[in-house]
N, C-alpha and C. Protein backbone atom coordinates (compact mmCIF):
# COMPACT_ATOMS: atom_id res chain seq x y z
N MET A 1 0.82 -1.19 0.00
CA MET A 1 0.00 0.00 0.00
C MET A 1 0.86 1.26 0.00
N ASP A 2 2.03 1.20 0.66
CA ASP A 2 2.90 2.37 0.71
C ASP A 2 3.29 2.84 -0.68
N GLN A 3 3.53 1.89 -1.61
CA GLN A 3 3.89 2.26 -2.98
C GLN A 3 2.74 2.99 -3.67
N VAL A 4 1.52 2.55 -3.43
CA VAL A 4 0.34 3.19 -4.02
C VAL A 4 0.22 4.62 -3.51
N ILE A 5 0.31 4.81 -2.21
CA ILE A 5 0.17 6.14 -1.63
C ILE A 5 1.28 7.06 -2.09
N LYS A 6 2.51 6.55 -2.13
CA LYS A 6 3.63 7.37 -2.60
C LYS A 6 3.38 7.84 -4.03
N PHE A 7 2.94 6.94 -4.89
CA PHE A 7 2.68 7.31 -6.28
C PHE A 7 1.56 8.34 -6.36
N LEU A 8 0.48 8.15 -5.61
CA LEU A 8 -0.64 9.09 -5.65
C LEU A 8 -0.26 10.45 -5.08
N LYS A 9 0.55 10.49 -4.04
CA LYS A 9 0.98 11.76 -3.48
C LYS A 9 1.87 12.54 -4.45
N GLU A 10 2.66 11.80 -5.21
CA GLU A 10 3.55 12.45 -6.18
C GLU A 10 2.81 12.86 -7.44
N ASN A 11 1.64 12.29 -7.68
CA ASN A 11 0.89 12.51 -8.91
C ASN A 11 -0.60 12.57 -8.56
N ILE A 12 -1.04 13.67 -7.94
CA ILE A 12 -2.37 13.71 -7.36
C ILE A 12 -3.51 13.75 -8.38
N ASN A 13 -3.22 14.17 -9.59
CA ASN A 13 -4.27 14.26 -10.60
C ASN A 13 -4.45 12.92 -11.30
N VAL A 14 -5.64 12.37 -11.17
CA VAL A 14 -5.95 11.07 -11.76
C VAL A 14 -7.17 11.22 -12.66
N PHE A 15 -7.46 10.19 -13.43
CA PHE A 15 -8.68 10.14 -14.21
C PHE A 15 -9.55 9.04 -13.62
N LEU A 16 -10.75 9.41 -13.21
CA LEU A 16 -11.67 8.52 -12.52
C LEU A 16 -12.80 8.13 -13.46
N ALA A 17 -13.05 6.82 -13.54
CA ALA A 17 -14.10 6.30 -14.42
C ALA A 17 -15.28 5.81 -13.59
N THR A 18 -16.48 6.17 -14.05
CA THR A 18 -17.73 5.70 -13.45
C THR A 18 -18.62 5.17 -14.56
N LEU A 19 -19.79 4.69 -14.18
CA LEU A 19 -20.80 4.26 -15.15
C LEU A 19 -21.99 5.21 -15.09
N ASP A 20 -22.50 5.55 -16.27
CA ASP A 20 -23.69 6.39 -16.38
C ASP A 20 -24.64 5.75 -17.37
N LYS A 21 -25.68 5.11 -16.84
CA LYS A 21 -26.65 4.41 -17.68
C LYS A 21 -25.95 3.40 -18.60
N GLY A 22 -24.99 2.68 -18.04
CA GLY A 22 -24.27 1.65 -18.77
C GLY A 22 -23.12 2.15 -19.62
N GLU A 23 -22.91 3.45 -19.69
CA GLU A 23 -21.82 4.03 -20.48
C GLU A 23 -20.71 4.52 -19.56
N PRO A 24 -19.46 4.31 -19.95
CA PRO A 24 -18.36 4.80 -19.11
C PRO A 24 -18.26 6.32 -19.20
N ARG A 25 -17.88 6.92 -18.08
CA ARG A 25 -17.60 8.35 -18.00
C ARG A 25 -16.28 8.52 -17.25
N VAL A 26 -15.40 9.31 -17.82
CA VAL A 26 -14.08 9.54 -17.23
C VAL A 26 -13.89 11.04 -17.05
N ARG A 27 -13.34 11.41 -15.90
CA ARG A 27 -13.06 12.81 -15.65
C ARG A 27 -11.86 12.94 -14.72
N PRO A 28 -11.19 14.11 -14.75
CA PRO A 28 -10.07 14.31 -13.84
C PRO A 28 -10.56 14.47 -12.41
N PHE A 29 -9.78 13.95 -11.49
CA PHE A 29 -10.06 14.03 -10.06
C PHE A 29 -8.72 14.24 -9.36
N GLN A 30 -8.77 14.69 -8.12
CA GLN A 30 -7.56 14.79 -7.32
C GLN A 30 -7.63 13.85 -6.13
N PHE A 31 -6.54 13.12 -5.94
CA PHE A 31 -6.36 12.32 -4.73
C PHE A 31 -6.25 13.30 -3.57
N MET A 32 -6.99 13.03 -2.50
CA MET A 32 -6.98 13.92 -1.35
C MET A 32 -6.01 13.44 -0.27
N LEU A 33 -6.22 12.22 0.22
CA LEU A 33 -5.37 11.72 1.30
C LEU A 33 -5.62 10.24 1.51
N GLU A 34 -4.75 9.66 2.34
CA GLU A 34 -4.90 8.26 2.75
C GLU A 34 -5.00 8.26 4.27
N GLU A 35 -5.90 7.43 4.76
CA GLU A 35 -5.98 7.22 6.20
C GLU A 35 -6.52 5.82 6.44
N GLY A 36 -5.86 5.09 7.31
CA GLY A 36 -6.32 3.76 7.67
C GLY A 36 -6.39 2.79 6.50
N GLY A 37 -5.49 2.95 5.53
CA GLY A 37 -5.49 2.06 4.37
C GLY A 37 -6.56 2.38 3.34
N LYS A 38 -7.19 3.53 3.46
CA LYS A 38 -8.23 3.94 2.52
C LYS A 38 -7.76 5.20 1.80
N ILE A 39 -8.05 5.27 0.50
CA ILE A 39 -7.70 6.47 -0.26
C ILE A 39 -8.97 7.29 -0.48
N TYR A 40 -8.86 8.58 -0.16
CA TYR A 40 -10.01 9.47 -0.12
C TYR A 40 -10.02 10.46 -1.27
N PHE A 41 -11.25 10.77 -1.70
CA PHE A 41 -11.52 11.75 -2.74
C PHE A 41 -12.74 12.54 -2.30
N CYS A 42 -13.08 13.59 -3.03
CA CYS A 42 -14.32 14.31 -2.73
C CYS A 42 -14.97 14.81 -4.00
N THR A 43 -16.24 15.11 -3.87
CA THR A 43 -17.03 15.68 -4.95
C THR A 43 -18.15 16.46 -4.30
N ASN A 44 -19.16 16.82 -5.08
CA ASN A 44 -20.33 17.42 -4.44
C ASN A 44 -21.59 16.76 -4.97
N ASN A 45 -22.63 16.84 -4.16
CA ASN A 45 -23.84 16.07 -4.45
C ASN A 45 -24.74 16.71 -5.50
N THR A 46 -24.26 17.77 -6.16
CA THR A 46 -25.01 18.33 -7.29
C THR A 46 -24.44 17.89 -8.62
N LYS A 47 -23.37 17.12 -8.60
CA LYS A 47 -22.70 16.69 -9.84
C LYS A 47 -23.18 15.32 -10.30
N ASP A 48 -23.09 15.12 -11.61
CA ASP A 48 -23.45 13.82 -12.20
C ASP A 48 -22.61 12.70 -11.61
N VAL A 49 -21.33 12.97 -11.34
CA VAL A 49 -20.46 11.92 -10.82
C VAL A 49 -20.98 11.38 -9.49
N TYR A 50 -21.55 12.23 -8.67
CA TYR A 50 -22.11 11.79 -7.39
C TYR A 50 -23.27 10.82 -7.63
N VAL A 51 -24.17 11.18 -8.53
CA VAL A 51 -25.31 10.32 -8.87
C VAL A 51 -24.81 8.98 -9.41
N GLN A 52 -23.80 9.03 -10.26
CA GLN A 52 -23.24 7.81 -10.85
C GLN A 52 -22.61 6.92 -9.77
N LEU A 53 -21.87 7.52 -8.85
CA LEU A 53 -21.24 6.75 -7.78
C LEU A 53 -22.27 6.15 -6.83
N LYS A 54 -23.34 6.84 -6.58
CA LYS A 54 -24.40 6.30 -5.72
C LYS A 54 -25.11 5.14 -6.42
N ALA A 55 -25.32 5.26 -7.72
CA ALA A 55 -26.03 4.21 -8.47
C ALA A 55 -25.15 2.99 -8.71
N HIS A 56 -23.87 3.20 -8.95
CA HIS A 56 -22.90 2.13 -9.24
C HIS A 56 -21.64 2.41 -8.43
N PRO A 57 -21.60 2.01 -7.18
CA PRO A 57 -20.50 2.37 -6.29
C PRO A 57 -19.22 1.56 -6.53
N PHE A 58 -18.70 1.70 -7.73
CA PHE A 58 -17.46 1.03 -8.09
C PHE A 58 -16.74 1.93 -9.09
N VAL A 59 -15.43 2.11 -8.92
CA VAL A 59 -14.67 2.99 -9.81
C VAL A 59 -13.37 2.33 -10.24
N GLU A 60 -12.81 2.91 -11.27
CA GLU A 60 -11.43 2.63 -11.62
C GLU A 60 -10.81 3.98 -11.95
N LEU A 61 -9.58 4.16 -11.51
CA LEU A 61 -8.86 5.38 -11.82
C LEU A 61 -7.50 5.03 -12.36
N SER A 62 -6.92 5.97 -13.08
CA SER A 62 -5.61 5.75 -13.66
C SER A 62 -4.91 7.08 -13.82
N MET A 63 -3.60 7.02 -13.84
CA MET A 63 -2.78 8.17 -14.18
C MET A 63 -1.38 7.70 -14.51
N ALA A 64 -0.66 8.53 -15.24
CA ALA A 64 0.73 8.24 -15.61
C ALA A 64 1.58 9.46 -15.29
N ASN A 65 2.86 9.20 -15.03
CA ASN A 65 3.76 10.32 -14.80
C ASN A 65 4.68 10.50 -16.01
N GLN A 66 5.59 11.46 -15.92
CA GLN A 66 6.46 11.77 -17.05
C GLN A 66 7.54 10.72 -17.28
N LYS A 67 7.70 9.79 -16.34
CA LYS A 67 8.68 8.71 -16.49
C LYS A 67 8.04 7.48 -17.13
N TYR A 68 6.82 7.62 -17.61
CA TYR A 68 6.06 6.51 -18.22
C TYR A 68 5.79 5.38 -17.23
N GLU A 69 5.59 5.78 -15.98
CA GLU A 69 5.11 4.86 -14.95
C GLU A 69 3.64 5.18 -14.78
N TRP A 70 2.84 4.18 -14.45
CA TRP A 70 1.42 4.45 -14.26
C TRP A 70 0.84 3.59 -13.17
N ILE A 71 -0.32 4.03 -12.74
CA ILE A 71 -1.07 3.31 -11.72
C ILE A 71 -2.51 3.16 -12.20
N ARG A 72 -3.09 2.05 -11.84
CA ARG A 72 -4.51 1.83 -12.06
C ARG A 72 -5.06 1.29 -10.75
N VAL A 73 -6.14 1.89 -10.25
CA VAL A 73 -6.75 1.49 -8.99
C VAL A 73 -8.23 1.25 -9.24
N ARG A 74 -8.74 0.16 -8.70
CA ARG A 74 -10.18 -0.09 -8.80
C ARG A 74 -10.68 -0.58 -7.45
N GLY A 75 -11.97 -0.36 -7.23
CA GLY A 75 -12.56 -0.83 -5.98
C GLY A 75 -13.93 -0.24 -5.76
N GLY A 76 -14.52 -0.65 -4.65
CA GLY A 76 -15.83 -0.15 -4.27
C GLY A 76 -15.72 1.23 -3.65
N VAL A 77 -16.80 1.98 -3.74
CA VAL A 77 -16.86 3.33 -3.20
C VAL A 77 -17.76 3.35 -1.98
N ARG A 78 -17.29 4.00 -0.93
CA ARG A 78 -18.09 4.18 0.28
C ARG A 78 -18.02 5.67 0.64
N PHE A 79 -19.18 6.29 0.80
CA PHE A 79 -19.26 7.69 1.23
C PHE A 79 -19.22 7.75 2.75
N THR A 80 -18.69 8.86 3.27
CA THR A 80 -18.66 9.08 4.71
C THR A 80 -19.20 10.46 5.04
N ASP A 81 -19.95 10.55 6.11
CA ASP A 81 -20.45 11.83 6.60
C ASP A 81 -19.63 12.34 7.79
N ASP A 82 -18.54 11.68 8.07
CA ASP A 82 -17.68 12.04 9.20
C ASP A 82 -17.11 13.45 9.00
N LEU A 83 -17.54 14.39 9.83
CA LEU A 83 -17.09 15.78 9.70
C LEU A 83 -15.59 15.93 9.92
N ALA A 84 -15.01 15.10 10.78
CA ALA A 84 -13.56 15.17 11.00
C ALA A 84 -12.81 14.78 9.72
N MET A 85 -13.31 13.77 9.00
CA MET A 85 -12.66 13.38 7.75
C MET A 85 -12.86 14.46 6.69
N LYS A 86 -14.06 15.04 6.64
CA LYS A 86 -14.29 16.13 5.69
C LYS A 86 -13.34 17.29 5.96
N ALA A 87 -13.10 17.59 7.23
CA ALA A 87 -12.17 18.65 7.59
C ALA A 87 -10.75 18.31 7.13
N LYS A 88 -10.35 17.05 7.26
CA LYS A 88 -9.03 16.63 6.80
C LYS A 88 -8.90 16.79 5.29
N VAL A 89 -9.97 16.47 4.57
CA VAL A 89 -9.96 16.64 3.11
C VAL A 89 -9.81 18.12 2.76
N LEU A 90 -10.53 18.98 3.45
CA LEU A 90 -10.40 20.42 3.19
C LEU A 90 -8.97 20.90 3.44
N GLU A 91 -8.35 20.39 4.49
CA GLU A 91 -6.97 20.80 4.80
C GLU A 91 -5.97 20.22 3.80
N ALA A 92 -6.33 19.13 3.14
CA ALA A 92 -5.42 18.49 2.18
C ALA A 92 -5.34 19.25 0.86
N SER A 93 -6.32 20.09 0.57
CA SER A 93 -6.34 20.77 -0.72
C SER A 93 -6.87 22.20 -0.57
N GLN A 94 -6.02 23.15 -0.88
CA GLN A 94 -6.46 24.55 -0.83
C GLN A 94 -7.56 24.80 -1.87
N LEU A 95 -7.50 24.12 -3.00
CA LEU A 95 -8.55 24.27 -4.00
C LEU A 95 -9.90 23.82 -3.45
N VAL A 96 -9.93 22.64 -2.84
CA VAL A 96 -11.18 22.12 -2.27
C VAL A 96 -11.66 23.04 -1.15
N LYS A 97 -10.74 23.50 -0.32
CA LYS A 97 -11.12 24.40 0.77
C LYS A 97 -11.71 25.70 0.23
N SER A 98 -11.15 26.21 -0.87
CA SER A 98 -11.67 27.46 -1.44
C SER A 98 -13.08 27.27 -2.02
N ILE A 99 -13.40 26.07 -2.44
CA ILE A 99 -14.73 25.79 -3.02
C ILE A 99 -15.76 25.56 -1.93
N TYR A 100 -15.45 24.69 -0.97
CA TYR A 100 -16.45 24.24 0.01
C TYR A 100 -16.39 24.97 1.34
N LYS A 101 -15.30 25.63 1.64
CA LYS A 101 -15.10 26.46 2.83
C LYS A 101 -15.09 25.69 4.16
N THR A 102 -16.16 24.94 4.46
CA THR A 102 -16.27 24.28 5.76
C THR A 102 -16.68 22.81 5.59
N ALA A 103 -16.32 22.01 6.58
CA ALA A 103 -16.63 20.57 6.53
C ALA A 103 -18.12 20.31 6.57
N ASP A 104 -18.89 21.23 7.11
CA ASP A 104 -20.34 21.00 7.19
C ASP A 104 -21.10 21.55 5.99
N ASN A 105 -20.39 21.92 4.94
CA ASN A 105 -21.05 22.37 3.71
C ASN A 105 -21.96 21.24 3.22
N PRO A 106 -23.23 21.50 3.01
CA PRO A 106 -24.17 20.41 2.69
C PRO A 106 -23.96 19.75 1.33
N ILE A 107 -23.19 20.36 0.44
CA ILE A 107 -22.96 19.70 -0.86
C ILE A 107 -21.66 18.91 -0.91
N LEU A 108 -20.78 19.10 0.08
CA LEU A 108 -19.50 18.39 0.10
C LEU A 108 -19.72 16.91 0.40
N GLU A 109 -19.19 16.07 -0.45
CA GLU A 109 -19.27 14.62 -0.26
C GLU A 109 -17.85 14.05 -0.31
N VAL A 110 -17.52 13.24 0.67
CA VAL A 110 -16.22 12.59 0.75
C VAL A 110 -16.43 11.09 0.62
N PHE A 111 -15.59 10.48 -0.22
CA PHE A 111 -15.68 9.03 -0.39
C PHE A 111 -14.30 8.42 -0.42
N TYR A 112 -14.27 7.12 -0.16
CA TYR A 112 -13.02 6.39 -0.22
C TYR A 112 -13.23 5.11 -1.00
N ILE A 113 -12.13 4.53 -1.42
CA ILE A 113 -12.17 3.25 -2.13
C ILE A 113 -11.91 2.14 -1.13
N GLU A 114 -12.80 1.16 -1.11
CA GLU A 114 -12.63 0.01 -0.24
C GLU A 114 -12.50 -1.25 -1.10
N HIS A 115 -11.89 -2.26 -0.53
CA HIS A 115 -11.63 -3.50 -1.26
C HIS A 115 -10.94 -3.19 -2.58
N GLY A 116 -9.92 -2.35 -2.48
CA GLY A 116 -9.23 -1.86 -3.67
C GLY A 116 -8.14 -2.79 -4.17
N HIS A 117 -7.83 -2.60 -5.42
CA HIS A 117 -6.74 -3.31 -6.07
C HIS A 117 -5.99 -2.30 -6.92
N ALA A 118 -4.68 -2.24 -6.75
CA ALA A 118 -3.84 -1.32 -7.52
C ALA A 118 -2.86 -2.09 -8.37
N THR A 119 -2.62 -1.58 -9.54
CA THR A 119 -1.58 -2.08 -10.43
C THR A 119 -0.63 -0.93 -10.71
N LEU A 120 0.65 -1.14 -10.40
CA LEU A 120 1.70 -0.17 -10.70
C LEU A 120 2.57 -0.78 -11.79
N ALA A 121 2.77 -0.03 -12.87
CA ALA A 121 3.51 -0.59 -14.00
C ALA A 121 4.37 0.48 -14.66
N ASP A 122 5.28 0.00 -15.52
CA ASP A 122 6.14 0.90 -16.29
C ASP A 122 6.65 0.12 -17.50
N PHE A 123 7.54 0.73 -18.25
CA PHE A 123 8.08 0.07 -19.45
C PHE A 123 9.44 -0.57 -19.19
N SER A 124 9.70 -0.95 -17.94
CA SER A 124 11.01 -1.51 -17.58
C SER A 124 11.17 -2.96 -18.04
N GLY A 125 10.07 -3.60 -18.39
CA GLY A 125 10.12 -5.02 -18.71
C GLY A 125 9.83 -5.90 -17.51
N GLN A 126 9.77 -5.30 -16.34
CA GLN A 126 9.42 -6.02 -15.12
C GLN A 126 7.91 -6.19 -15.06
N PRO A 127 7.44 -7.25 -14.43
CA PRO A 127 5.99 -7.42 -14.32
C PRO A 127 5.38 -6.32 -13.45
N PRO A 128 4.14 -5.96 -13.70
CA PRO A 128 3.47 -4.96 -12.86
C PRO A 128 3.40 -5.43 -11.41
N ARG A 129 3.37 -4.47 -10.50
CA ARG A 129 3.16 -4.76 -9.10
C ARG A 129 1.66 -4.70 -8.82
N GLU A 130 1.14 -5.75 -8.23
CA GLU A 130 -0.29 -5.85 -7.91
C GLU A 130 -0.45 -5.77 -6.40
N ILE A 131 -1.29 -4.84 -5.96
CA ILE A 131 -1.44 -4.59 -4.52
C ILE A 131 -2.92 -4.53 -4.18
N ASP A 132 -3.34 -5.36 -3.24
CA ASP A 132 -4.72 -5.29 -2.73
C ASP A 132 -4.70 -4.48 -1.44
N PHE A 133 -5.73 -3.71 -1.25
CA PHE A 133 -5.85 -2.93 -0.01
C PHE A 133 -7.29 -2.86 0.44
């Protein structure tokens, strides 16, 4: 798991895929933080992505860096109403804090990936690293 978190911290912008009426939808997202072996993200409950995640609580995300290394993470999505966690997410990103201002903002939604699986790969010729979390 440490390798996954290190990669995400170094490359916070990922592309997150959801399902919308059976069709894939991909959009940029930012990794917020890790706590207790869970990787956290946020959105707001007025967005299509929120509706998609509630209807099909499973995602896959991917990103690559300039060294042609990449990560792919998939797993179930679980939302949390924990105000302390929402506050941590706000502190993790000045952009998010500027949008939502406070942890009790009624549109702020925080979610994490559970039962996740990560694949870390590159063009070294070595097999990808597979990590369950």
